[in-house]
C-alpha atoms as a PDB file:
ATOM      1  CA  MET A   1      58.277 -43.056  19.104  1.00  0.00           C
ATOM      2  CA  PRO A   2      56.141 -43.245  16.080  1.00  0.00           C
ATOM      3  CA  LEU A   3      52.330 -43.624  16.920  1.00  0.00           C
ATOM      4  CA  THR A   4      51.250 -47.003  14.791  1.00  0.00           C
ATOM      5  CA  ALA A   5      47.838 -47.273  12.752  1.00  0.00           C
ATOM      6  CA  GLU A   6      47.378 -49.577  15.738  1.00  0.00           C
ATOM      7  CA  ASN A   7      48.123 -47.722  18.487  1.00  0.00           C
ATOM      8  CA  ALA A   8      46.278 -44.787  16.628  1.00  0.00           C
ATOM      9  CA  ALA A   9      42.721 -47.143  16.705  1.00  0.00           C
ATOM     10  CA  LEU A  10      43.364 -47.982  20.280  1.00  0.00           C
ATOM     11  CA  GLN A  11      43.658 -44.565  21.451  1.00  0.00           C
ATOM     12  CA  ILE A  12      40.947 -42.981  19.750  1.00  0.00           C
ATOM     13  CA  GLN A  13      38.421 -45.722  20.362  1.00  0.00           C
ATOM     14  CA  ASP A  14      39.411 -44.756  24.016  1.00  0.00           C
ATOM     15  CA  ARG A  15      38.478 -41.321  23.721  1.00  0.00           C
ATOM     16  CA  LEU A  16      35.336 -42.190  21.781  1.00  0.00           C
ATOM     17  CA  LYS A  17      34.336 -44.337  25.029  1.00  0.00           C
ATOM     18  CA  ASP A  18      35.198 -41.282  26.808  1.00  0.00           C
ATOM     19  CA  ILE A  19      33.257 -38.752  25.027  1.00  0.00           C
ATOM     20  CA  GLN A  20      30.088 -41.241  25.126  1.00  0.00           C
ATOM     21  CA  ARG A  21      30.376 -41.891  28.990  1.00  0.00           C
ATOM     22  CA  TYR A  22      30.614 -37.768  29.094  1.00  0.00           C
ATOM     23  CA  ILE A  23      27.156 -37.394  27.015  1.00  0.00           C
ATOM     24  CA  HIS A  24      25.765 -39.629  28.975  1.00  0.00           C
ATOM     25  CA  GLN A  25      26.674 -37.303  32.167  1.00  0.00           C
ATOM     26  CA  ILE A  26      25.659 -34.249  30.244  1.00  0.00           C
ATOM     27  CA  ASP A  27      22.125 -35.778  29.628  1.00  0.00           C
ATOM     28  CA  ASP A  28      21.807 -36.788  33.491  1.00  0.00           C
ATOM     29  CA  GLU A  29      23.187 -33.275  34.811  1.00  0.00           C
ATOM     30  CA  ARG A  30      20.659 -31.351  32.192  1.00  0.00           C
ATOM     31  CA  ARG A  31      17.562 -33.220  33.508  1.00  0.00           C
ATOM     32  CA  ARG A  32      18.736 -32.928  36.947  1.00  0.00           C
ATOM     33  CA  SER A  33      19.016 -28.621  36.360  1.00  0.00           C
ATOM     34  CA  GLU A  34      15.318 -28.594  34.717  1.00  0.00           C
ATOM     35  CA  THR A  35      13.966 -30.103  37.974  1.00  0.00           C
ATOM     36  CA  ASN A  36      15.933 -27.266  40.003  1.00  0.00           C
ATOM     37  CA  ILE A  37      15.338 -24.516  37.380  1.00  0.00           C
ATOM     38  CA  ASN A  38      11.539 -25.415  37.269  1.00  0.00           C
ATOM     39  CA  SER A  39      11.461 -25.810  41.429  1.00  0.00           C
ATOM     40  CA  LEU A  40      12.995 -22.121  41.245  1.00  0.00           C
ATOM     41  CA  SER A  41      10.134 -20.806  38.642  1.00  0.00           C
ATOM     42  CA  ARG A  42       7.875 -21.765  40.960  1.00  0.00           C
ATOM     43  CA  ALA A  43       9.122 -20.442  43.754  1.00  0.00           C
ATOM     44  CA  GLN A  44       9.364 -17.034  42.133  1.00  0.00           C
ATOM     45  CA  GLN A  45       5.668 -17.096  41.992  1.00  0.00           C
ATOM     46  CA  SER A  46       5.250 -18.097  45.489  1.00  0.00           C
ATOM     47  CA  ASN A  47       5.660 -16.260  48.731  1.00  0.00           C
ATOM     48  CA  MET A  48       8.861 -18.648  49.577  1.00  0.00           C
ATOM     49  CA  PRO A  49      11.555 -17.132  52.112  1.00  0.00           C
ATOM     50  CA  VAL A  50      14.352 -15.781  50.677  1.00  0.00           C
ATOM     51  CA  GLN A  51      16.596 -18.361  52.348  1.00  0.00           C
ATOM     52  CA  LYS A  52      15.329 -20.970  50.146  1.00  0.00           C
ATOM     53  CA  MET A  53      15.321 -19.244  47.275  1.00  0.00           C
ATOM     54  CA  LYS A  54      18.525 -18.450  47.804  1.00  0.00           C
ATOM     55  CA  SER A  55      19.359 -22.329  47.946  1.00  0.00           C
ATOM     56  CA  LEU A  56      17.577 -23.024  45.151  1.00  0.00           C
ATOM     57  CA  TYR A  57      19.385 -20.164  42.812  1.00  0.00           C
ATOM     58  CA  LYS A  58      23.024 -21.803  44.162  1.00  0.00           C
ATOM     59  CA  ALA A  59      21.957 -25.004  43.182  1.00  0.00           C
ATOM     60  CA  CYS A  60      20.959 -23.720  39.920  1.00  0.00           C
ATOM     61  CA  LEU A  61      24.319 -22.249  39.271  1.00  0.00           C
ATOM     62  CA  GLN A  62      26.354 -25.503  40.506  1.00  0.00           C
ATOM     63  CA  ASP A  63      24.382 -27.416  38.091  1.00  0.00           C
ATOM     64  CA  ALA A  64      25.495 -25.197  35.597  1.00  0.00           C
ATOM     65  CA  VAL A  65      29.096 -25.049  36.205  1.00  0.00           C
ATOM     66  CA  VAL A  66      28.892 -29.065  36.220  1.00  0.00           C
ATOM     67  CA  GLU A  67      27.541 -29.654  33.171  1.00  0.00           C
ATOM     68  CA  GLU A  68      29.994 -26.392  31.823  1.00  0.00           C
ATOM     69  CA  ASP A  69      32.509 -28.469  33.260  1.00  0.00           C
ATOM     70  CA  THR A  70      31.452 -32.006  31.587  1.00  0.00           C
ATOM     71  CA  ILE A  71      30.703 -30.335  27.874  1.00  0.00           C
ATOM     72  CA  ARG A  72      34.635 -28.875  28.118  1.00  0.00           C
ATOM     73  CA  LYS A  73      36.028 -32.391  29.048  1.00  0.00           C
ATOM     74  CA  ALA A  74      33.990 -33.873  26.008  1.00  0.00           C
ATOM     75  CA  LEU A  75      35.685 -31.087  23.730  1.00  0.00           C
ATOM     76  CA  GLU A  76      39.144 -31.911  24.961  1.00  0.00           C
ATOM     77  CA  LYS A  77      38.549 -35.665  23.933  1.00  0.00           C
ATOM     78  CA  ILE A  78      37.636 -34.632  20.430  1.00  0.00           C
ATOM     79  CA  GLN A  79      40.591 -32.158  20.311  1.00  0.00           C
ATOM     80  CA  GLU A  80      42.641 -34.975  21.349  1.00  0.00           C
ATOM     81  CA  ILE A  81      41.349 -37.291  18.486  1.00  0.00           C
ATOM     82  CA  ARG A  82      42.175 -34.589  15.786  1.00  0.00           C
ATOM     83  CA  ASN A  83      45.393 -34.218  17.253  1.00  0.00           C
ATOM     84  CA  ILE A  84      46.026 -38.078  16.836  1.00  0.00           C
ATOM     85  CA  ARG A  85      44.688 -38.204  13.162  1.00  0.00           C
ATOM     86  CA  ASN A  86      46.884 -35.592  12.189  1.00  0.00           C
ATOM     87  CA  GLU A  87      50.209 -36.853  13.655  1.00  0.00           C
ATOM     88  CA  ARG A  88      48.966 -40.405  11.898  1.00  0.00           C
ATOM     89  CA  ARG A  89      48.518 -37.991   8.625  1.00  0.00           C
ATOM     90  CA  ILE A  90      52.014 -36.335   8.814  1.00  0.00           C
ATOM     91  CA  GLN A  91      53.874 -39.276   9.732  1.00  0.00           C
ATOM     92  CA  ALA A  92      52.258 -40.885   6.732  1.00  0.00           C
ATOM     93  CA  ARG A  93      53.527 -38.121   4.303  1.00  0.00           C
ATOM     94  CA  ASN A  94      56.627 -38.260   5.764  1.00  0.00           C
ATOM     95  CA  ALA A  95      56.962 -41.637   4.963  1.00  0.00           C
ATOM     96  CA  GLY A  96      56.100 -40.871   1.931  1.00  0.00           C
ATOM     97  CA  ASN A  97      52.798 -42.392   1.608  1.00  0.00           C
ATOM     98  CA  LYS A  98      50.682 -39.109  -0.422  1.00  0.00           C
ATOM     99  CA  GLU A  99      47.137 -39.388  -1.233  1.00  0.00           C
ATOM    100  CA  ALA A 100      45.864 -37.336  -4.168  1.00  0.00           C
ATOM    101  CA  ILE A 101      42.624 -35.002  -3.217  1.00  0.00           C
ATOM    102  CA  ARG A 102      40.593 -33.901  -6.061  1.00  0.00           C
ATOM    103  CA  ARG A 103      40.275 -29.972  -6.414  1.00  0.00           C
ATOM    104  CA  GLY A 104      36.796 -30.139  -5.331  1.00  0.00           C
ATOM    105  CA  ALA A 105      37.304 -32.685  -2.516  1.00  0.00           C
ATOM    106  CA  LEU A 106      40.296 -30.106  -1.095  1.00  0.00           C
ATOM    107  CA  MET A 107      38.135 -27.283  -1.203  1.00  0.00           C
ATOM    108  CA  LYS A 108      35.603 -28.886   1.089  1.00  0.00           C
ATOM    109  CA  MET A 109      38.080 -30.011   3.430  1.00  0.00           C
ATOM    110  CA  VAL A 110      39.020 -26.419   3.568  1.00  0.00           C
ATOM    111  CA  GLN A 111      35.754 -25.165   4.478  1.00  0.00           C
ATOM    112  CA  ILE A 112      34.987 -28.278   7.212  1.00  0.00           C
ATOM    113  CA  SER A 113      38.593 -27.304   8.423  1.00  0.00           C
ATOM    114  CA  ALA A 114      36.792 -23.718   9.573  1.00  0.00           C
ATOM    115  CA  GLN A 115      33.739 -25.126  10.536  1.00  0.00           C
ATOM    116  CA  THR A 116      34.661 -27.427  12.915  1.00  0.00           C
ATOM    117  CA  LEU A 117      37.870 -25.299  14.190  1.00  0.00           C
ATOM    118  CA  PRO A 118      37.409 -25.149  18.091  1.00  0.00           C
ATOM    119  CA  LEU A 119      34.915 -22.479  19.967  1.00  0.00           C
ATOM    120  CA  PHE A 120      36.523 -20.488  22.770  1.00  0.00           C
ATOM    121  CA  VAL A 121      34.279 -19.730  25.448  1.00  0.00           C
ATOM    122  CA  SER A 122      35.733 -17.745  28.101  1.00  0.00           C
ATOM    123  CA  LYS A 123      34.718 -18.159  31.695  1.00  0.00           C
ATOM    124  CA  PRO A 124      34.130 -15.024  33.590  1.00  0.00           C
ATOM    125  CA  GLY A 125      37.091 -12.750  33.770  1.00  0.00           C
ATOM    126  CA  GLU A 126      39.132 -14.889  31.371  1.00  0.00           C
ATOM    127  CA  LYS A 127      41.172 -13.399  28.945  1.00  0.00           C
ATOM    128  CA  VAL A 128      41.225 -14.618  25.160  1.00  0.00           C
ATOM    129  CA  PRO A 129      44.541 -16.188  24.503  1.00  0.00           C
ATOM    130  CA  PRO A 130      46.742 -15.656  21.576  1.00  0.00           C
ATOM    131  CA  LEU A 131      45.386 -17.324  18.427  1.00  0.00           C
ATOM    132  CA  CYS A 132      41.841 -17.186  18.822  1.00  0.00           C
ATOM    133  CA  GLY A 133      39.765 -15.222  16.549  1.00  0.00           C
ATOM    134  CA  ALA A 134      41.561 -11.889  15.609  1.00  0.00           C
ATOM    135  CA  ILE A 135      44.371 -12.085  18.646  1.00  0.00           C
ATOM    136  CA  PRO A 136      47.645 -12.553  16.566  1.00  0.00           C
ATOM    137  CA  ALA A 137      50.246 -15.226  18.213  1.00  0.00           C
ATOM    138  CA  GLU A 138      52.934 -14.103  20.454  1.00  0.00           C
ATOM    139  CA  SER A 139      56.184 -12.617  18.684  1.00  0.00           C
ATOM    140  CA  ASN A 140      58.078 -15.749  19.991  1.00  0.00           C
ATOM    141  CA  TYR A 141      55.441 -18.415  18.690  1.00  0.00           C
ATOM    142  CA  ILE A 142      56.476 -21.248  16.631  1.00  0.00           C
ATOM    143  CA  ALA A 143      53.800 -23.042  14.749  1.00  0.00           C
ATOM    144  CA  LYS A 144      53.611 -26.824  15.287  1.00  0.00           C
ATOM    145  CA  VAL A 145      54.219 -29.239  12.109  1.00  0.00           C
ATOM    146  CA  GLY A 146      50.931 -29.881  10.430  1.00  0.00           C
ATOM    147  CA  ASP A 147      49.754 -26.610  11.104  1.00  0.00           C
ATOM    148  CA  ASN A 148      48.110 -24.259   8.908  1.00  0.00           C
ATOM    149  CA  VAL A 149      49.425 -21.000   7.695  1.00  0.00           C
ATOM    150  CA  ALA A 150      49.707 -18.369   5.286  1.00  0.00           C
ATOM    151  CA  ALA A 151      53.045 -18.253   3.799  1.00  0.00           C
ATOM    152  CA  LEU A 152      54.058 -15.276   1.626  1.00  0.00           C
ATOM    153  CA  VAL A 153      55.609 -16.682  -1.514  1.00  0.00           C
ATOM    154  CA  LYS A 154      57.389 -16.096  -4.725  1.00  0.00           C
ATOM    155  CA  GLY A 155      55.054 -16.616  -7.919  1.00  0.00           C
ATOM    156  CA  VAL A 156      55.631 -15.851 -11.950  1.00  0.00           C
ATOM    157  CA  GLU A 157      57.423 -12.277 -12.355  1.00  0.00           C
ATOM    158  CA  GLU A 158      58.888 -12.565  -8.591  1.00  0.00           C
ATOM    159  CA  GLU A 159      55.323 -11.503  -7.752  1.00  0.00           C
ATOM    160  CA  GLU A 160      54.468 -12.061  -3.592  1.00  0.00           C
ATOM    161  CA  ASN A 161      51.445 -14.074  -2.858  1.00  0.00           C
ATOM    162  CA  TRP A 162      49.822 -15.316   0.463  1.00  0.00           C
ATOM    163  CA  ILE A 163      48.706 -18.822   0.056  1.00  0.00           C
ATOM    164  CA  LEU A 164      46.964 -21.374   2.365  1.00  0.00           C
ATOM    165  CA  ALA A 165      50.150 -23.876   3.288  1.00  0.00           C
ATOM    166  CA  GLU A 166      50.993 -26.341   5.972  1.00  0.00           C
ATOM    167  CA  VAL A 167      54.040 -26.395   8.004  1.00  0.00           C
ATOM    168  CA  VAL A 168      56.631 -29.142   7.602  1.00  0.00           C
ATOM    169  CA  SER A 169      59.221 -28.094   9.906  1.00  0.00           C
ATOM    170  CA  PHE A 170      60.580 -25.059  11.690  1.00  0.00           C
ATOM    171  CA  LEU A 171      64.398 -24.769  11.065  1.00  0.00           C
ATOM    172  CA  GLN A 172      65.597 -23.385  14.244  1.00  0.00           C
ATOM    173  CA  ARG A 173      69.107 -22.233  13.554  1.00  0.00           C
ATOM    174  CA  GLN A 174      67.991 -20.415  10.514  1.00  0.00           C
ATOM    175  CA  ASN A 175      64.746 -18.985  12.015  1.00  0.00           C
ATOM    176  CA  LYS A 176      62.811 -20.107   8.998  1.00  0.00           C
ATOM    177  CA  TYR A 177      59.718 -22.168   8.275  1.00  0.00           C
ATOM    178  CA  ASP A 178      59.676 -25.270   5.559  1.00  0.00           C
ATOM    179  CA  VAL A 179      56.114 -25.241   4.516  1.00  0.00           C
ATOM    180  CA  ILE A 180      54.454 -27.091   1.708  1.00  0.00           C
ATOM    181  CA  ASP A 181      51.254 -25.778  -0.517  1.00  0.00           C
ATOM    182  CA  ILE A 182      48.232 -27.284   0.236  1.00  0.00           C
ATOM    183  CA  ASP A 183      47.287 -27.082  -3.102  1.00  0.00           C
ATOM    184  CA  GLU A 184      47.266 -30.476  -4.238  1.00  0.00           C
ATOM    185  CA  GLU A 185      47.891 -29.141  -8.113  1.00  0.00           C
ATOM    186  CA  GLN A 186      51.283 -27.440  -6.849  1.00  0.00           C
ATOM    187  CA  LYS A 187      52.870 -29.134  -3.488  1.00  0.00           C
ATOM    188  CA  ASP A 188      55.180 -26.284  -3.656  1.00  0.00           C
ATOM    189  CA  ARG A 189      57.818 -26.613  -0.821  1.00  0.00           C
ATOM    190  CA  HIS A 190      59.060 -23.239   0.403  1.00  0.00           C
ATOM    191  CA  VAL A 191      61.950 -22.300   2.679  1.00  0.00           C
ATOM    192  CA  LEU A 192      60.660 -18.890   4.335  1.00  0.00           C
ATOM    193  CA  SER A 193      61.469 -16.594   6.877  1.00  0.00           C
ATOM    194  CA  LYS A 194      59.350 -16.345   9.950  1.00  0.00           C
ATOM    195  CA  ARG A 195      58.219 -12.678   9.142  1.00  0.00           C
ATOM    196  CA  LYS A 196      56.555 -14.524   6.052  1.00  0.00           C
ATOM    197  CA  VAL A 197      54.503 -16.911   7.742  1.00  0.00           C
ATOM    198  CA  ILE A 198      51.476 -15.888   9.444  1.00  0.00           C
ATOM    199  CA  PRO A 199      49.942 -18.713  11.902  1.00  0.00           C
ATOM    200  CA  LEU A 200      46.307 -18.983  11.458  1.00  0.00           C
ATOM    201  CA  PRO A 201      44.023 -18.879  14.244  1.00  0.00           C
ATOM    202  CA  LEU A 202      43.696 -22.257  16.278  1.00  0.00           C
ATOM    203  CA  MET A 203      40.370 -21.127  17.910  1.00  0.00           C
ATOM    204  CA  ARG A 204      37.225 -19.155  16.749  1.00  0.00           C
ATOM    205  CA  ALA A 205      36.130 -16.448  18.866  1.00  0.00           C
ATOM    206  CA  ASN A 206      32.397 -16.779  20.104  1.00  0.00           C
ATOM    207  CA  PRO A 207      30.568 -13.160  19.329  1.00  0.00           C
ATOM    208  CA  GLU A 208      28.362 -13.460  21.873  1.00  0.00           C
ATOM    209  CA  THR A 209      30.950 -13.767  24.693  1.00  0.00           C
ATOM    210  CA  ASP A 210      33.993 -12.446  22.951  1.00  0.00           C
ATOM    211  CA  GLY A 211      32.883  -9.941  20.652  1.00  0.00           C
ATOM    212  CA  HIS A 212      36.257  -8.166  21.325  1.00  0.00           C
ATOM    213  CA  ALA A 213      38.318 -10.853  19.826  1.00  0.00           C
ATOM    214  CA  LEU A 214      36.963 -10.035  16.448  1.00  0.00           C
ATOM    215  CA  PHE A 215      38.349  -7.881  13.784  1.00  0.00           C
ATOM    216  CA  PRO A 216      36.268  -4.865  13.692  1.00  0.00           C
ATOM    217  CA  LYS A 217      34.105  -3.225  10.898  1.00  0.00           C
ATOM    218  CA  ASP A 218      36.197  -1.757   8.214  1.00  0.00           C
ATOM    219  CA  THR A 219      39.431  -3.262   9.000  1.00  0.00           C
ATOM    220  CA  VAL A 220      41.817  -4.224   6.305  1.00  0.00           C
ATOM    221  CA  VAL A 221      42.515  -7.720   6.527  1.00  0.00           C
ATOM    222  CA  MET A 222      43.552 -10.309   3.854  1.00  0.00           C
ATOM    223  CA  ALA A 223      41.395 -13.069   3.526  1.00  0.00           C
ATOM    224  CA  LEU A 224      40.783 -16.360   1.746  1.00  0.00           C
ATOM    225  CA  TYR A 225      39.310 -15.938  -1.396  1.00  0.00           C
ATOM    226  CA  PRO A 226      36.227 -18.461  -1.574  1.00  0.00           C
ATOM    227  CA  GLN A 227      37.050 -21.826  -3.403  1.00  0.00           C
ATOM    228  CA  THR A 228      41.006 -20.858  -3.542  1.00  0.00           C
ATOM    229  CA  THR A 229      43.731 -21.015  -1.367  1.00  0.00           C
ATOM    230  CA  CYS A 230      44.902 -17.681  -1.983  1.00  0.00           C
ATOM    231  CA  PHE A 231      44.803 -15.017   0.766  1.00  0.00           C
ATOM    232  CA  TYR A 232      43.967 -11.019  -0.585  1.00  0.00           C
ATOM    233  CA  LYS A 233      43.261  -7.821   0.921  1.00  0.00           C
ATOM    234  CA  ALA A 234      40.322  -7.012   1.755  1.00  0.00           C
ATOM    235  CA  ILE A 235      37.850  -4.793   4.443  1.00  0.00           C
ATOM    236  CA  ILE A 236      35.492  -6.174   7.257  1.00  0.00           C
ATOM    237  CA  HIS A 237      32.200  -5.479   5.989  1.00  0.00           C
ATOM    238  CA  ARG A 238      30.090  -7.425   8.485  1.00  0.00           C
ATOM    239  CA  LEU A 239      30.965  -9.273  11.852  1.00  0.00           C
ATOM    240  CA  PRO A 240      29.777 -13.053  12.740  1.00  0.00           C
ATOM    241  CA  GLN A 241      26.932 -12.347  15.226  1.00  0.00           C
ATOM    242  CA  THR A 242      26.844 -15.917  16.157  1.00  0.00           C
ATOM    243  CA  ALA A 243      29.670 -18.899  16.749  1.00  0.00           C
ATOM    244  CA  THR A 244      28.848 -20.731  13.336  1.00  0.00           C
ATOM    245  CA  GLU A 245      28.860 -17.315  11.043  1.00  0.00           C
ATOM    246  CA  ASP A 246      31.313 -16.174   8.932  1.00  0.00           C
ATOM    247  CA  TYR A 247      32.532 -12.724   8.583  1.00  0.00           C
ATOM    248  CA  GLU A 248      31.451 -10.472   5.564  1.00  0.00           C
ATOM    249  CA  VAL A 249      34.226  -9.180   3.548  1.00  0.00           C
ATOM    250  CA  LEU A 250      35.192  -6.843   0.688  1.00  0.00           C
ATOM    251  CA  PHE A 251      37.499  -8.037  -1.683  1.00  0.00           C
ATOM    252  CA  GLU A 252      39.852  -5.175  -3.569  1.00  0.00           C
ATOM    253  CA  ASP A 253      38.868  -5.332  -7.206  1.00  0.00           C
ATOM    254  CA  SER A 254      39.428  -2.551  -9.560  1.00  0.00           C
ATOM    255  CA  SER A 255      37.308  -3.774 -11.910  1.00  0.00           C
ATOM    256  CA  TYR A 256      34.546  -1.869  -9.412  1.00  0.00           C
ATOM    257  CA  THR A 257      33.843   1.823  -9.421  1.00  0.00           C
ATOM    258  CA  ASN A 258      34.771   2.039  -5.402  1.00  0.00           C
ATOM    259  CA  GLY A 259      37.495  -0.716  -5.931  1.00  0.00           C
ATOM    260  CA  TYR A 260      36.028  -3.362  -3.812  1.00  0.00           C
ATOM    261  CA  ALA A 261      33.468  -6.110  -4.450  1.00  0.00           C
ATOM    262  CA  GLU A 262      30.687  -7.295  -3.366  1.00  0.00           C
ATOM    263  CA  PRO A 263      30.705  -8.934   0.006  1.00  0.00           C
ATOM    264  CA  LEU A 264      31.549 -12.682   0.787  1.00  0.00           C
ATOM    265  CA  PRO A 265      31.750 -14.637   3.646  1.00  0.00           C
ATOM    266  CA  VAL A 266      34.802 -16.053   4.357  1.00  0.00           C
ATOM    267  CA  ALA A 267      35.461 -18.228   8.063  1.00  0.00           C
ATOM    268  CA  GLN A 268      37.194 -16.610  10.873  1.00  0.00           C
ATOM    269  CA  ARG A 269      40.106 -19.288  10.331  1.00  0.00           C
ATOM    270  CA  TYR A 270      41.173 -17.332   7.299  1.00  0.00           C
ATOM    271  CA  VAL A 271      40.828 -13.979   8.191  1.00  0.00           C
ATOM    272  CA  ILE A 272      43.805 -12.557   9.429  1.00  0.00           C
ATOM    273  CA  VAL A 273      46.162  -9.256   9.694  1.00  0.00           C
ATOM    274  CA  TYR A 274      46.744  -7.570   6.716  1.00  0.00           C
ATOM    275  CA  LYS A 275      50.450  -7.303   5.324  1.00  0.00           C
ATOM    276  CA  SER A 276      51.546  -5.875   2.254  1.00  0.00           C
ATOM    277  CA  THR A 277      53.392  -7.758  -0.923  1.00  0.00           C
ATOM    278  CA  LYS A 278      56.058  -6.682  -3.520  1.00  0.00           C
ATOM    279  CA  LYS A 279      53.159  -6.535  -5.755  1.00  0.00           C
ATOM    280  CA  SER A 280      49.360  -7.211  -4.167  1.00  0.00           C
ATOM    281  CA  GLY A 281      47.528  -9.150  -6.253  1.00  0.00           C
ATOM    282  CA  SER A 282      44.015  -8.290  -7.067  1.00  0.00           C
ATOM    283  CA  THR A 283      40.824 -10.042  -7.142  1.00  0.00           C
ATOM    284  CA  GLY A 284      40.613  -9.287 -11.065  1.00  0.00           C
ATOM    285  CA  GLY A 285      36.856  -9.704 -11.107  1.00  0.00           C
ATOM    286  CA  GLY A 286      36.005 -11.013  -8.047  1.00  0.00           C
ATOM    287  CA  SER A 287      33.683 -14.066  -9.531  1.00  0.00           C
ATOM    288  CA  GLY A 288      35.720 -16.665  -9.267  1.00  0.00           C
ATOM    289  CA  SER A 289      38.830 -15.361 -11.445  1.00  0.00           C
ATOM    290  CA  VAL A 290      41.748 -15.267  -8.662  1.00  0.00           C
ATOM    291  CA  SER A 291      44.274 -17.657  -9.291  1.00  0.00           C
ATOM    292  CA  SER A 292      43.809 -20.503  -6.651  1.00  0.00           C
ATOM    293  CA  SER A 293      47.747 -20.977  -6.527  1.00  0.00           C
ATOM    294  CA  ALA A 294      51.150 -18.952  -6.084  1.00  0.00           C
END
C-alpha cells in the first residue's frame, strides 16, 4: 500500500511527539541520576557503611541503564522518521516526480547524509553488526531500495569507475542490481552484477567503544573524493578519534613523489574496502581535478 503524503505527515507527527516525550523523560532521569551521583560522591568522602555504598552504586548504575534505554528509544524514532521520508522520496521518483538538485546542494546532501548516519554504540559484550564502520555486509546481503552504494560502471573508453549510486531495485532472477547515479548531471541507470555493487555502511562505528570496527592505519581502501561522487584508491592516514570525526586518507596521485596526495578528510560512510578496476582512476592532481562522474 503506497504511503500517501497525508499518512506520512501523520506518522512523522506521531513520532515527533514520542521524541518530545522521551526528551522530557531523559531530562527527568538525568536530574534524578545527578542527585544519586552527588549522594555517592559525598558518601565516598565519609565513613558510610559498605552496604549503603553498594546500594548507592546500584542506584547510579540503574539510573544510567534507564537513561541509555530512553535515549536509544528516541534514536529509534528518529530513524523511523528517516525511513518514512525515504519511502516517500522513492515513491515520488517512481511516479516520475523528479526534482532537479543543484551541484552544490547535492554535495551538501552527501555530506549531511554521512554526518547524520546513525552511530552504533555497543553494549558490554555486544558484537558490532555488519555494515557498521568497516565491517562488511554478509555475503547474502541485498541492499534495500533507496540505499546508497558504490557501483562499478563503465565510462569513456570502457574504463571502469566506482561511483556513488542509489539502488532502484534488485533483480532476483538475474542476481543483479538496478542502480542510478546520484549525480544530477548524469542520472544514468545501470544494471550491474552483485559483485560490482558494494553496500555503504548503515551505521558509524564509535571509536571510543568499537575502535576495532574501523579500518586500521595504512589500510588500502576506496574513499569518496571530497566534492565528487567518485571513489578512488586511498590509504588510511589517521583514524577518527571521536564519533564526529572523519578518517584522514591519502589518495593515490602520480603527480606526487611518493604517489599519494596530502591527507584529506572522508567520512566513515564513504570509506570502503578496496577493489581493483580495469583501469584504476587517479586523482590526477588531488586538488579538485577529479572527475565527479563516471
